[in-house]
Amino acid sequence: MRQEYDGYPVRAGFCGPGWELEDCAAIARRHRQTFEVPSAAALSGLKVGDLARLHFVITAPDVVADRRNPRAERMWVEVCKIHDDSSIWGHLTNEPALIESLAPGDVVEFAHRHVAQVLPVPPVD
């Protein structure tokens, strides 16, 4: 059975047809001088409405075979739900260029380790 949230499909399991989320925390540990990720405080402060940039590594063989294509699409999701098990759901805000199984609005499941950048929602005065 297909899971939906807010009328959009949920892409659970940190991957889907033709893509998988990159573990940005692991990349940052291996390349401390050149790859930064948000601090633990920024990640623990993530809330509904914030934007998180994720790296969707392309796994579709036909796309990967063309060396002109990028290794990953870097796209933003708007946090829509934070679960008790620390998994997070966010609506995709970008139109993927090469990943055909994703569309704007789709709900992508991710964890703190997948986040490359955070743009917090400004506080309302």
Protein backbone atom coordinates (compact mmCIF):
# COMPACT_ATOMS: atom_id res chain seq x y z
CA MET A 1 0.00 0.00 0.00
CA ARG A 2 1.30 3.41 -0.97
CA GLN A 3 1.78 5.77 1.95
CA GLU A 4 0.77 9.42 1.56
CA TYR A 5 1.04 12.58 3.63
CA ASP A 6 -0.71 15.85 2.76
CA GLY A 7 -1.89 14.15 -0.44
CA TYR A 8 1.68 13.45 -1.64
CA PRO A 9 3.52 10.12 -1.81
CA VAL A 10 5.99 9.37 0.99
CA ARG A 11 9.43 8.25 -0.24
CA ALA A 12 10.48 6.22 2.80
CA GLY A 13 13.68 4.29 3.46
CA PHE A 14 16.16 7.02 2.42
CA CYS A 15 16.09 5.85 -1.23
CA GLY A 16 13.86 5.32 -4.24
CA PRO A 17 14.00 4.29 -7.89
CA GLY A 18 17.11 5.92 -9.33
CA TRP A 19 18.34 7.68 -6.16
CA GLU A 20 19.55 7.34 -2.59
CA LEU A 21 20.26 9.96 0.05
CA GLU A 22 23.89 10.70 0.73
CA ASP A 23 25.17 10.39 4.30
CA CYS A 24 26.52 13.95 4.48
CA ALA A 25 27.75 13.47 8.05
CA ALA A 26 30.02 10.62 6.92
CA ILE A 27 31.35 12.72 4.02
CA ALA A 28 32.07 15.59 6.42
CA ARG A 29 34.03 13.29 8.76
CA ARG A 30 36.19 12.10 5.84
CA HIS A 31 36.70 15.59 4.36
CA ARG A 32 36.75 17.93 7.36
CA GLN A 33 38.59 20.73 5.54
CA THR A 34 36.30 20.92 2.51
CA PHE A 35 32.85 19.63 3.47
CA GLU A 36 30.81 21.17 6.26
CA VAL A 37 27.45 20.09 7.64
CA PRO A 38 25.18 21.80 10.17
CA SER A 39 26.13 21.58 13.84
CA ALA A 40 24.43 19.14 16.18
CA ALA A 41 22.62 22.11 17.74
CA ALA A 42 21.30 23.26 14.35
CA LEU A 43 20.11 19.75 13.53
CA SER A 44 18.46 19.19 16.89
CA GLY A 45 16.70 22.55 16.46
CA LEU A 46 15.21 21.54 13.10
CA LYS A 47 11.48 22.24 13.09
CA VAL A 48 8.47 22.07 10.81
CA GLY A 49 8.78 24.75 8.13
CA ASP A 50 12.59 24.78 8.06
CA LEU A 51 14.36 23.93 4.82
CA ALA A 52 16.97 21.16 4.65
CA ARG A 53 19.26 20.57 1.69
CA LEU A 54 19.76 16.91 0.87
CA HIS A 55 22.02 15.23 -1.69
CA PHE A 56 20.13 12.74 -3.83
CA VAL A 57 22.83 10.45 -5.26
CA ILE A 58 21.81 9.24 -8.69
CA THR A 59 21.73 5.44 -9.01
CA ALA A 60 19.81 4.98 -12.28
CA PRO A 61 22.26 3.07 -14.53
CA ASP A 62 21.34 4.97 -17.70
CA VAL A 63 21.88 8.34 -15.99
CA VAL A 64 25.09 7.26 -14.26
CA ALA A 65 26.47 5.93 -17.56
CA ASP A 66 26.42 9.40 -19.11
CA ARG A 67 29.57 11.02 -17.69
CA ARG A 68 28.15 14.49 -18.44
CA ASN A 69 25.57 14.02 -15.69
CA PRO A 70 26.26 15.02 -12.09
CA ARG A 71 26.80 12.40 -9.39
CA ALA A 72 23.93 13.81 -7.31
CA GLU A 73 21.14 16.35 -7.34
CA ARG A 74 21.25 18.75 -4.40
CA MET A 75 17.70 19.71 -3.51
CA TRP A 76 15.73 21.31 -0.72
CA VAL A 77 12.92 19.79 1.32
CA GLU A 78 10.59 21.70 3.65
CA VAL A 79 10.27 19.86 6.94
CA CYS A 80 6.65 18.77 7.42
CA LYS A 81 6.88 16.15 10.18
CA ILE A 82 9.42 15.07 12.80
CA HIS A 83 8.89 11.57 14.15
CA ASP A 84 9.70 10.22 17.62
CA ASP A 85 12.24 7.81 16.11
CA SER A 86 14.26 10.82 14.81
CA SER A 87 13.24 10.28 11.19
CA ILE A 88 12.06 13.43 9.47
CA TRP A 89 9.72 14.01 6.54
CA GLY A 90 10.03 16.93 4.17
CA HIS A 91 8.21 18.06 1.03
CA LEU A 92 10.55 18.30 -1.96
CA THR A 93 10.66 21.95 -3.09
CA ASN A 94 12.74 21.49 -6.26
CA GLU A 95 12.00 20.02 -9.68
CA PRO A 96 14.52 17.20 -10.18
CA ALA A 97 16.45 17.44 -13.44
CA LEU A 98 17.51 13.79 -13.73
CA ILE A 99 15.61 11.80 -11.11
CA GLU A 100 12.36 10.84 -12.78
CA SER A 101 10.83 9.10 -9.74
CA LEU A 102 10.62 12.34 -7.70
CA ALA A 103 8.42 15.41 -8.15
CA PRO A 104 7.94 18.66 -6.24
CA GLY A 105 5.74 18.09 -3.21
CA ASP A 106 6.77 14.46 -2.73
CA VAL A 107 7.50 13.68 0.91
CA VAL A 108 11.06 12.42 1.44
CA GLU A 109 12.07 10.60 4.63
CA PHE A 110 15.52 11.55 5.95
CA ALA A 111 17.63 11.65 9.10
CA HIS A 112 20.02 14.23 10.55
CA ARG A 113 22.97 12.46 8.88
CA HIS A 114 21.54 13.26 5.42
CA VAL A 115 21.34 17.04 5.93
CA ALA A 116 23.94 19.15 4.13
CA GLN A 117 22.51 22.56 5.03
CA VAL A 118 19.66 24.05 7.06
CA LEU A 119 17.71 27.24 6.41
CA PRO A 120 15.58 27.88 9.49
CA VAL A 121 12.18 29.48 9.12
CA PRO A 122 12.43 33.08 10.40
CA PRO A 123 10.68 33.62 13.74
CA VAL A 124 7.33 35.39 13.59
CA ASP A 125 7.29 38.62 15.59
